[in-house]
Amino acid sequence: MAKVQDLEVAFEAALTHVERSLAGGMKTMNGKSARPQLEKLERELRLQRDQARNRGTVDRDWFQQTVRWVTEWVPDTEITLIAALGRIVRSAPPAA
């Protein structure tokens, strides 16, 4: 059960980071507003958090696709967002 709680904490930390990035007006690496990407990421994180609660683990395919997508637009100065995503997968119990 502790691992599922760790996973929940990791999702919440990532969501908090996304919310802070939205509030701070984060830009993409090409200088445009990252709001559309951050809003999409927030929706995905909430959906995957709920699904992870039911499964007890994270969807690794979703995770890999999401990290690839985020690295396409997040600026080098915001790598903590990628680190927050990494915490999710590190907290996830292995799939059955």
PDB file of N, CA and C in Angstrom:
ATOM      1  N   MET A   1       0.813  -1.203   0.000  1.00  0.00           N
ATOM      2  CA  MET A   1       0.000   0.000   0.000  1.00  0.00           C
ATOM      3  C   MET A   1       0.856   1.267   0.000  1.00  0.00           C
ATOM      4  N   ALA A   2       2.015   1.190   0.629  1.00  0.00           N
ATOM      5  CA  ALA A   2       2.893   2.362   0.672  1.00  0.00           C
ATOM      6  C   ALA A   2       3.290   2.799  -0.728  1.00  0.00           C
ATOM      7  N   LYS A   3       3.523   1.843  -1.624  1.00  0.00           N
ATOM      8  CA  LYS A   3       3.914   2.209  -2.988  1.00  0.00           C
ATOM      9  C   LYS A   3       2.805   2.980  -3.693  1.00  0.00           C
ATOM     10  N   VAL A   4       1.556   2.582  -3.495  1.00  0.00           N
ATOM     11  CA  VAL A   4       0.441   3.291  -4.113  1.00  0.00           C
ATOM     12  C   VAL A   4       0.366   4.710  -3.545  1.00  0.00           C
ATOM     13  N   GLN A   5       0.617   4.863  -2.264  1.00  0.00           N
ATOM     14  CA  GLN A   5       0.636   6.199  -1.660  1.00  0.00           C
ATOM     15  C   GLN A   5       1.791   7.025  -2.223  1.00  0.00           C
ATOM     16  N   ASP A   6       2.938   6.393  -2.431  1.00  0.00           N
ATOM     17  CA  ASP A   6       4.075   7.090  -3.048  1.00  0.00           C
ATOM     18  C   ASP A   6       3.716   7.560  -4.453  1.00  0.00           C
ATOM     19  N   LEU A   7       2.996   6.726  -5.173  1.00  0.00           N
ATOM     20  CA  LEU A   7       2.574   7.059  -6.533  1.00  0.00           C
ATOM     21  C   LEU A   7       1.626   8.256  -6.512  1.00  0.00           C
ATOM     22  N   GLU A   8       0.703   8.252  -5.575  1.00  0.00           N
ATOM     23  CA  GLU A   8      -0.232   9.371  -5.422  1.00  0.00           C
ATOM     24  C   GLU A   8       0.520  10.673  -5.130  1.00  0.00           C
ATOM     25  N   VAL A   9       1.475  10.607  -4.233  1.00  0.00           N
ATOM     26  CA  VAL A   9       2.288  11.783  -3.887  1.00  0.00           C
ATOM     27  C   VAL A   9       3.060  12.271  -5.114  1.00  0.00           C
ATOM     28  N   ALA A  10       3.584  11.355  -5.896  1.00  0.00           N
ATOM     29  CA  ALA A  10       4.348  11.722  -7.093  1.00  0.00           C
ATOM     30  C   ALA A  10       3.455  12.416  -8.122  1.00  0.00           C
ATOM     31  N   PHE A  11       2.248  11.893  -8.331  1.00  0.00           N
ATOM     32  CA  PHE A  11       1.313  12.552  -9.258  1.00  0.00           C
ATOM     33  C   PHE A  11       0.974  13.955  -8.759  1.00  0.00           C
ATOM     34  N   GLU A  12       0.716  14.079  -7.462  1.00  0.00           N
ATOM     35  CA  GLU A  12       0.375  15.393  -6.909  1.00  0.00           C
ATOM     36  C   GLU A  12       1.528  16.377  -7.068  1.00  0.00           C
ATOM     37  N   ALA A  13       2.748  15.911  -6.877  1.00  0.00           N
ATOM     38  CA  ALA A  13       3.910  16.787  -7.052  1.00  0.00           C
ATOM     39  C   ALA A  13       4.029  17.252  -8.501  1.00  0.00           C
ATOM     40  N   ALA A  14       3.801  16.348  -9.445  1.00  0.00           N
ATOM     41  CA  ALA A  14       3.856  16.724 -10.862  1.00  0.00           C
ATOM     42  C   ALA A  14       2.747  17.723 -11.200  1.00  0.00           C
ATOM     43  N   LEU A  15       1.557  17.484 -10.665  1.00  0.00           N
ATOM     44  CA  LEU A  15       0.452  18.418 -10.906  1.00  0.00           C
ATOM     45  C   LEU A  15       0.749  19.794 -10.309  1.00  0.00           C
ATOM     46  N   THR A  16       1.337  19.818  -9.143  1.00  0.00           N
ATOM     47  CA  THR A  16       1.718  21.092  -8.523  1.00  0.00           C
ATOM     48  C   THR A  16       2.734  21.829  -9.390  1.00  0.00           C
ATOM     49  N   HIS A  17       3.674  21.082  -9.945  1.00  0.00           N
ATOM     50  CA  HIS A  17       4.679  21.700 -10.814  1.00  0.00           C
ATOM     51  C   HIS A  17       4.018  22.278 -12.075  1.00  0.00           C
ATOM     52  N   VAL A  18       3.079  21.548 -12.645  1.00  0.00           N
ATOM     53  CA  VAL A  18       2.361  22.041 -13.828  1.00  0.00           C
ATOM     54  C   VAL A  18       1.585  23.311 -13.477  1.00  0.00           C
ATOM     55  N   GLU A  19       0.907  23.308 -12.334  1.00  0.00           N
ATOM     56  CA  GLU A  19       0.138  24.486 -11.922  1.00  0.00           C
ATOM     57  C   GLU A  19       1.047  25.697 -11.724  1.00  0.00           C
ATOM     58  N   ARG A  20       2.208  25.488 -11.130  1.00  0.00           N
ATOM     59  CA  ARG A  20       3.164  26.587 -10.950  1.00  0.00           C
ATOM     60  C   ARG A  20       3.674  27.095 -12.302  1.00  0.00           C
ATOM     61  N   SER A  21       3.905  26.179 -13.215  1.00  0.00           N
ATOM     62  CA  SER A  21       4.368  26.567 -14.550  1.00  0.00           C
ATOM     63  C   SER A  21       3.302  27.374 -15.273  1.00  0.00           C
ATOM     64  N   LEU A  22       2.055  26.986 -15.114  1.00  0.00           N
ATOM     65  CA  LEU A  22       0.952  27.750 -15.702  1.00  0.00           C
ATOM     66  C   LEU A  22       0.880  29.143 -15.092  1.00  0.00           C
ATOM     67  N   ALA A  23       0.945  29.204 -13.777  1.00  0.00           N
ATOM     68  CA  ALA A  23       0.861  30.488 -13.078  1.00  0.00           C
ATOM     69  C   ALA A  23       2.040  31.394 -13.435  1.00  0.00           C
ATOM     70  N   GLY A  24       3.185  30.797 -13.687  1.00  0.00           N
ATOM     71  CA  GLY A  24       4.382  31.572 -14.028  1.00  0.00           C
ATOM     72  C   GLY A  24       4.492  31.940 -15.491  1.00  0.00           C
ATOM     73  N   GLY A  25       3.552  31.499 -16.296  1.00  0.00           N
ATOM     74  CA  GLY A  25       3.580  31.840 -17.720  1.00  0.00           C
ATOM     75  C   GLY A  25       4.718  31.186 -18.479  1.00  0.00           C
ATOM     76  N   MET A  26       4.979  29.935 -18.170  1.00  0.00           N
ATOM     77  CA  MET A  26       6.088  29.223 -18.805  1.00  0.00           C
ATOM     78  C   MET A  26       5.992  29.289 -20.333  1.00  0.00           C
ATOM     79  N   LYS A  27       7.145  29.409 -20.949  1.00  0.00           N
ATOM     80  CA  LYS A  27       7.259  29.417 -22.414  1.00  0.00           C
ATOM     81  C   LYS A  27       7.843  28.091 -22.880  1.00  0.00           C
ATOM     82  N   THR A  28       7.568  27.732 -24.118  1.00  0.00           N
ATOM     83  CA  THR A  28       8.173  26.541 -24.717  1.00  0.00           C
ATOM     84  C   THR A  28       9.602  26.886 -25.113  1.00  0.00           C
ATOM     85  N   MET A  29      10.341  25.890 -25.569  1.00  0.00           N
ATOM     86  CA  MET A  29      11.723  26.165 -25.956  1.00  0.00           C
ATOM     87  C   MET A  29      11.814  27.099 -27.164  1.00  0.00           C
ATOM     88  N   ASN A  30      10.718  27.252 -27.926  1.00  0.00           N
ATOM     89  CA  ASN A  30      10.760  28.187 -29.048  1.00  0.00           C
ATOM     90  C   ASN A  30      10.185  29.560 -28.683  1.00  0.00           C
ATOM     91  N   GLY A  31       9.902  29.766 -27.385  1.00  0.00           N
ATOM     92  CA  GLY A  31       9.488  31.078 -26.909  1.00  0.00           C
ATOM     93  C   GLY A  31       8.003  31.338 -26.893  1.00  0.00           C
ATOM     94  N   LYS A  32       7.203  30.405 -27.343  1.00  0.00           N
ATOM     95  CA  LYS A  32       5.751  30.578 -27.327  1.00  0.00           C
ATOM     96  C   LYS A  32       5.196  30.132 -25.973  1.00  0.00           C
ATOM     97  N   SER A  33       3.983  30.553 -25.688  1.00  0.00           N
ATOM     98  CA  SER A  33       3.338  30.164 -24.439  1.00  0.00           C
ATOM     99  C   SER A  33       3.198  28.642 -24.372  1.00  0.00           C
ATOM    100  N   ALA A  34       3.526  28.088 -23.220  1.00  0.00           N
ATOM    101  CA  ALA A  34       3.392  26.644 -23.007  1.00  0.00           C
ATOM    102  C   ALA A  34       2.022  26.292 -22.433  1.00  0.00           C
ATOM    103  N   ARG A  35       1.138  27.265 -22.313  1.00  0.00           N
ATOM    104  CA  ARG A  35      -0.178  27.025 -21.711  1.00  0.00           C
ATOM    105  C   ARG A  35      -0.925  25.855 -22.350  1.00  0.00           C
ATOM    106  N   PRO A  36      -1.043  25.770 -23.677  1.00  0.00           N
ATOM    107  CA  PRO A  36      -1.789  24.639 -24.248  1.00  0.00           C
ATOM    108  C   PRO A  36      -1.179  23.275 -23.878  1.00  0.00           C
ATOM    109  N   GLN A  37       0.134  23.203 -23.921  1.00  0.00           N
ATOM    110  CA  GLN A  37       0.805  21.944 -23.582  1.00  0.00           C
ATOM    111  C   GLN A  37       0.639  21.624 -22.092  1.00  0.00           C
ATOM    112  N   LEU A  38       0.794  22.636 -21.254  1.00  0.00           N
ATOM    113  CA  LEU A  38       0.661  22.418 -19.819  1.00  0.00           C
ATOM    114  C   LEU A  38      -0.760  22.015 -19.440  1.00  0.00           C
ATOM    115  N   GLU A  39      -1.739  22.634 -20.082  1.00  0.00           N
ATOM    116  CA  GLU A  39      -3.132  22.264 -19.800  1.00  0.00           C
ATOM    117  C   GLU A  39      -3.412  20.824 -20.233  1.00  0.00           C
ATOM    118  N   LYS A  40      -2.877  20.437 -21.371  1.00  0.00           N
ATOM    119  CA  LYS A  40      -3.036  19.053 -21.825  1.00  0.00           C
ATOM    120  C   LYS A  40      -2.336  18.100 -20.850  1.00  0.00           C
ATOM    121  N   LEU A  41      -1.135  18.452 -20.430  1.00  0.00           N
ATOM    122  CA  LEU A  41      -0.396  17.615 -19.492  1.00  0.00           C
ATOM    123  C   LEU A  41      -1.157  17.493 -18.173  1.00  0.00           C
ATOM    124  N   GLU A  42      -1.727  18.577 -17.719  1.00  0.00           N
ATOM    125  CA  GLU A  42      -2.507  18.548 -16.475  1.00  0.00           C
ATOM    126  C   GLU A  42      -3.695  17.587 -16.597  1.00  0.00           C
ATOM    127  N   ARG A  43      -4.413  17.664 -17.703  1.00  0.00           N
ATOM    128  CA  ARG A  43      -5.551  16.748 -17.916  1.00  0.00           C
ATOM    129  C   ARG A  43      -5.084  15.299 -17.923  1.00  0.00           C
ATOM    130  N   GLU A  44      -3.987  15.048 -18.639  1.00  0.00           N
ATOM    131  CA  GLU A  44      -3.444  13.685 -18.729  1.00  0.00           C
ATOM    132  C   GLU A  44      -2.993  13.170 -17.367  1.00  0.00           C
ATOM    133  N   LEU A  45      -2.331  14.020 -16.601  1.00  0.00           N
ATOM    134  CA  LEU A  45      -1.871  13.603 -15.274  1.00  0.00           C
ATOM    135  C   LEU A  45      -3.046  13.257 -14.369  1.00  0.00           C
ATOM    136  N   ARG A  46      -4.099  14.061 -14.419  1.00  0.00           N
ATOM    137  CA  ARG A  46      -5.277  13.776 -13.592  1.00  0.00           C
ATOM    138  C   ARG A  46      -5.934  12.455 -14.007  1.00  0.00           C
ATOM    139  N   LEU A  47      -6.058  12.241 -15.299  1.00  0.00           N
ATOM    140  CA  LEU A  47      -6.645  11.003 -15.802  1.00  0.00           C
ATOM    141  C   LEU A  47      -5.797   9.798 -15.418  1.00  0.00           C
ATOM    142  N   GLN A  48      -4.501   9.893 -15.641  1.00  0.00           N
ATOM    143  CA  GLN A  48      -3.613   8.778 -15.337  1.00  0.00           C
ATOM    144  C   GLN A  48      -3.507   8.532 -13.830  1.00  0.00           C
ATOM    145  N   ARG A  49      -3.580   9.589 -13.043  1.00  0.00           N
ATOM    146  CA  ARG A  49      -3.581   9.416 -11.583  1.00  0.00           C
ATOM    147  C   ARG A  49      -4.784   8.586 -11.153  1.00  0.00           C
ATOM    148  N   ASP A  50      -5.951   8.921 -11.699  1.00  0.00           N
ATOM    149  CA  ASP A  50      -7.157   8.175 -11.356  1.00  0.00           C
ATOM    150  C   ASP A  50      -7.057   6.719 -11.813  1.00  0.00           C
ATOM    151  N   GLN A  51      -6.526   6.512 -13.006  1.00  0.00           N
ATOM    152  CA  GLN A  51      -6.367   5.144 -13.501  1.00  0.00           C
ATOM    153  C   GLN A  51      -5.322   4.377 -12.699  1.00  0.00           C
ATOM    154  N   ALA A  52      -4.273   5.052 -12.280  1.00  0.00           N
ATOM    155  CA  ALA A  52      -3.229   4.399 -11.476  1.00  0.00           C
ATOM    156  C   ALA A  52      -3.782   3.986 -10.116  1.00  0.00           C
ATOM    157  N   ARG A  53      -4.692   4.770  -9.579  1.00  0.00           N
ATOM    158  CA  ARG A  53      -5.335   4.394  -8.314  1.00  0.00           C
ATOM    159  C   ARG A  53      -6.047   3.057  -8.465  1.00  0.00           C
ATOM    160  N   ASN A  54      -6.738   2.891  -9.576  1.00  0.00           N
ATOM    161  CA  ASN A  54      -7.498   1.651  -9.815  1.00  0.00           C
ATOM    162  C   ASN A  54      -6.586   0.472 -10.124  1.00  0.00           C
ATOM    163  N   ARG A  55      -5.541   0.717 -10.908  1.00  0.00           N
ATOM    164  CA  ARG A  55      -4.620  -0.354 -11.306  1.00  0.00           C
ATOM    165  C   ARG A  55      -3.561  -0.637 -10.259  1.00  0.00           C
ATOM    166  N   GLY A  56      -3.202   0.382  -9.511  1.00  0.00           N
ATOM    167  CA  GLY A  56      -2.126   0.248  -8.547  1.00  0.00           C
ATOM    168  C   GLY A  56      -0.757   0.490  -9.150  1.00  0.00           C
ATOM    169  N   THR A  57      -0.714   0.865 -10.413  1.00  0.00           N
ATOM    170  CA  THR A  57       0.552   1.160 -11.086  1.00  0.00           C
ATOM    171  C   THR A  57       0.282   2.132 -12.232  1.00  0.00           C
ATOM    172  N   VAL A  58       1.348   2.624 -12.801  1.00  0.00           N
ATOM    173  CA  VAL A  58       1.236   3.589 -13.900  1.00  0.00           C
ATOM    174  C   VAL A  58       1.328   2.856 -15.242  1.00  0.00           C
ATOM    175  N   ASP A  59       0.653   3.398 -16.233  1.00  0.00           N
ATOM    176  CA  ASP A  59       0.723   2.872 -17.594  1.00  0.00           C
ATOM    177  C   ASP A  59       2.068   3.294 -18.182  1.00  0.00           C
ATOM    178  N   ARG A  60       2.970   2.367 -18.308  1.00  0.00           N
ATOM    179  CA  ARG A  60       4.337   2.690 -18.754  1.00  0.00           C
ATOM    180  C   ARG A  60       4.369   3.200 -20.189  1.00  0.00           C
ATOM    181  N   ASP A  61       3.487   2.706 -21.046  1.00  0.00           N
ATOM    182  CA  ASP A  61       3.435   3.226 -22.422  1.00  0.00           C
ATOM    183  C   ASP A  61       3.042   4.701 -22.409  1.00  0.00           C
ATOM    184  N   TRP A  62       2.019   5.034 -21.629  1.00  0.00           N
ATOM    185  CA  TRP A  62       1.608   6.434 -21.508  1.00  0.00           C
ATOM    186  C   TRP A  62       2.773   7.274 -21.003  1.00  0.00           C
ATOM    187  N   PHE A  63       3.445   6.763 -19.981  1.00  0.00           N
ATOM    188  CA  PHE A  63       4.552   7.503 -19.394  1.00  0.00           C
ATOM    189  C   PHE A  63       5.642   7.787 -20.425  1.00  0.00           C
ATOM    190  N   GLN A  64       6.052   6.765 -21.161  1.00  0.00           N
ATOM    191  CA  GLN A  64       7.113   6.948 -22.149  1.00  0.00           C
ATOM    192  C   GLN A  64       6.710   7.941 -23.228  1.00  0.00           C
ATOM    193  N   GLN A  65       5.492   7.835 -23.716  1.00  0.00           N
ATOM    194  CA  GLN A  65       5.009   8.761 -24.746  1.00  0.00           C
ATOM    195  C   GLN A  65       4.950  10.189 -24.205  1.00  0.00           C
ATOM    196  N   THR A  66       4.515  10.321 -22.962  1.00  0.00           N
ATOM    197  CA  THR A  66       4.382  11.648 -22.366  1.00  0.00           C
ATOM    198  C   THR A  66       5.743  12.299 -22.166  1.00  0.00           C
ATOM    199  N   VAL A  67       6.704  11.551 -21.679  1.00  0.00           N
ATOM    200  CA  VAL A  67       8.044  12.122 -21.487  1.00  0.00           C
ATOM    201  C   VAL A  67       8.633  12.547 -22.827  1.00  0.00           C
ATOM    202  N   ARG A  68       8.474  11.732 -23.851  1.00  0.00           N
ATOM    203  CA  ARG A  68       8.974  12.118 -25.192  1.00  0.00           C
ATOM    204  C   ARG A  68       8.320  13.409 -25.660  1.00  0.00           C
ATOM    205  N   TRP A  69       7.005  13.504 -25.471  1.00  0.00           N
ATOM    206  CA  TRP A  69       6.262  14.686 -25.896  1.00  0.00           C
ATOM    207  C   TRP A  69       6.724  15.920 -25.116  1.00  0.00           C
ATOM    208  N   VAL A  70       6.858  15.795 -23.806  1.00  0.00           N
ATOM    209  CA  VAL A  70       7.262  16.936 -22.986  1.00  0.00           C
ATOM    210  C   VAL A  70       8.661  17.413 -23.367  1.00  0.00           C
ATOM    211  N   THR A  71       9.570  16.492 -23.638  1.00  0.00           N
ATOM    212  CA  THR A  71      10.930  16.906 -23.999  1.00  0.00           C
ATOM    213  C   THR A  71      10.979  17.625 -25.345  1.00  0.00           C
ATOM    214  N   GLU A  72       9.926  17.508 -26.139  1.00  0.00           N
ATOM    215  CA  GLU A  72       9.873  18.213 -27.421  1.00  0.00           C
ATOM    216  C   GLU A  72       9.625  19.706 -27.238  1.00  0.00           C
ATOM    217  N   TRP A  73       8.983  20.112 -26.141  1.00  0.00           N
ATOM    218  CA  TRP A  73       8.624  21.515 -25.993  1.00  0.00           C
ATOM    219  C   TRP A  73       9.118  22.190 -24.722  1.00  0.00           C
ATOM    220  N   VAL A  74       9.459  21.447 -23.704  1.00  0.00           N
ATOM    221  CA  VAL A  74       9.874  22.084 -22.451  1.00  0.00           C
ATOM    222  C   VAL A  74      11.285  22.671 -22.611  1.00  0.00           C
ATOM    223  N   PRO A  75      11.496  23.900 -22.134  1.00  0.00           N
ATOM    224  CA  PRO A  75      12.829  24.489 -22.258  1.00  0.00           C
ATOM    225  C   PRO A  75      13.818  23.834 -21.301  1.00  0.00           C
ATOM    226  N   ASP A  76      15.085  23.926 -21.644  1.00  0.00           N
ATOM    227  CA  ASP A  76      16.143  23.345 -20.815  1.00  0.00           C
ATOM    228  C   ASP A  76      16.138  23.897 -19.390  1.00  0.00           C
ATOM    229  N   THR A  77      15.624  25.098 -19.215  1.00  0.00           N
ATOM    230  CA  THR A  77      15.589  25.708 -17.883  1.00  0.00           C
ATOM    231  C   THR A  77      14.486  25.115 -17.009  1.00  0.00           C
ATOM    232  N   GLU A  78      13.636  24.294 -17.571  1.00  0.00           N
ATOM    233  CA  GLU A  78      12.507  23.723 -16.833  1.00  0.00           C
ATOM    234  C   GLU A  78      12.583  22.204 -16.743  1.00  0.00           C
ATOM    235  N   ILE A  79      13.765  21.660 -16.649  1.00  0.00           N
ATOM    236  CA  ILE A  79      13.889  20.206 -16.610  1.00  0.00           C
ATOM    237  C   ILE A  79      13.301  19.601 -15.342  1.00  0.00           C
ATOM    238  N   THR A  80      13.003  20.423 -14.353  1.00  0.00           N
ATOM    239  CA  THR A  80      12.375  19.894 -13.141  1.00  0.00           C
ATOM    240  C   THR A  80      10.994  19.323 -13.441  1.00  0.00           C
ATOM    241  N   LEU A  81      10.361  19.786 -14.501  1.00  0.00           N
ATOM    242  CA  LEU A  81       9.074  19.207 -14.906  1.00  0.00           C
ATOM    243  C   LEU A  81       9.274  17.757 -15.343  1.00  0.00           C
ATOM    244  N   ILE A  82      10.318  17.502 -16.082  1.00  0.00           N
ATOM    245  CA  ILE A  82      10.626  16.132 -16.512  1.00  0.00           C
ATOM    246  C   ILE A  82      11.006  15.289 -15.291  1.00  0.00           C
ATOM    247  N   ALA A  83      11.730  15.877 -14.374  1.00  0.00           N
ATOM    248  CA  ALA A  83      12.093  15.162 -13.143  1.00  0.00           C
ATOM    249  C   ALA A  83      10.850  14.798 -12.344  1.00  0.00           C
ATOM    250  N   ALA A  84       9.868  15.692 -12.311  1.00  0.00           N
ATOM    251  CA  ALA A  84       8.620  15.399 -11.596  1.00  0.00           C
ATOM    252  C   ALA A  84       7.900  14.219 -12.240  1.00  0.00           C
ATOM    253  N   LEU A  85       7.954  14.133 -13.557  1.00  0.00           N
ATOM    254  CA  LEU A  85       7.355  12.984 -14.240  1.00  0.00           C
ATOM    255  C   LEU A  85       8.130  11.710 -13.907  1.00  0.00           C
ATOM    256  N   GLY A  86       9.445  11.819 -13.863  1.00  0.00           N
ATOM    257  CA  GLY A  86      10.269  10.663 -13.533  1.00  0.00           C
ATOM    258  C   GLY A  86       9.960  10.112 -12.157  1.00  0.00           C
ATOM    259  N   ARG A  87       9.620  10.982 -11.237  1.00  0.00           N
ATOM    260  CA  ARG A  87       9.261  10.539  -9.885  1.00  0.00           C
ATOM    261  C   ARG A  87       8.031   9.632  -9.922  1.00  0.00           C
ATOM    262  N   ILE A  88       7.122   9.891 -10.837  1.00  0.00           N
ATOM    263  CA  ILE A  88       5.919   9.056 -10.948  1.00  0.00           C
ATOM    264  C   ILE A  88       6.305   7.631 -11.268  1.00  0.00           C
ATOM    265  N   VAL A  89       7.109   7.437 -12.291  1.00  0.00           N
ATOM    266  CA  VAL A  89       7.444   6.078 -12.706  1.00  0.00           C
ATOM    267  C   VAL A  89       8.331   5.390 -11.672  1.00  0.00           C
ATOM    268  N   ARG A  90       9.175   6.150 -10.991  1.00  0.00           N
ATOM    269  CA  ARG A  90      10.007   5.547  -9.938  1.00  0.00           C
ATOM    270  C   ARG A  90       9.167   5.113  -8.743  1.00  0.00           C
ATOM    271  N   SER A  91       8.026   5.766  -8.526  1.00  0.00           N
ATOM    272  CA  SER A  91       7.156   5.440  -7.398  1.00  0.00           C
ATOM    273  C   SER A  91       6.192   4.306  -7.714  1.00  0.00           C
ATOM    274  N   ALA A  92       6.052   3.988  -8.987  1.00  0.00           N
ATOM    275  CA  ALA A  92       5.056   2.996  -9.396  1.00  0.00           C
ATOM    276  C   ALA A  92       5.490   1.586  -9.063  1.00  0.00           C
ATOM    277  N   PRO A  93       4.598   0.827  -8.432  1.00  0.00           N
ATOM    278  CA  PRO A  93       4.881  -0.596  -8.263  1.00  0.00           C
ATOM    279  C   PRO A  93       4.950  -1.266  -9.631  1.00  0.00           C
ATOM    280  N   PRO A  94       5.701  -2.329  -9.762  1.00  0.00           N
ATOM    281  CA  PRO A  94       5.749  -3.013 -11.061  1.00  0.00           C
ATOM    282  C   PRO A  94       4.381  -3.551 -11.447  1.00  0.00           C
ATOM    283  N   ALA A  95       4.102  -3.536 -12.743  1.00  0.00           N
ATOM    284  CA  ALA A  95       2.823  -4.066 -13.233  1.00  0.00           C
ATOM    285  C   ALA A  95       2.763  -5.568 -12.962  1.00  0.00           C
ATOM    286  N   ALA A  96       1.556  -6.014 -12.717  1.00  0.00           N
ATOM    287  CA  ALA A  96       1.370  -7.451 -12.429  1.00  0.00           C
ATOM    288  C   ALA A  96       1.573  -8.283 -13.667  1.00  0.00           C
TER     289      ALA A  96
END
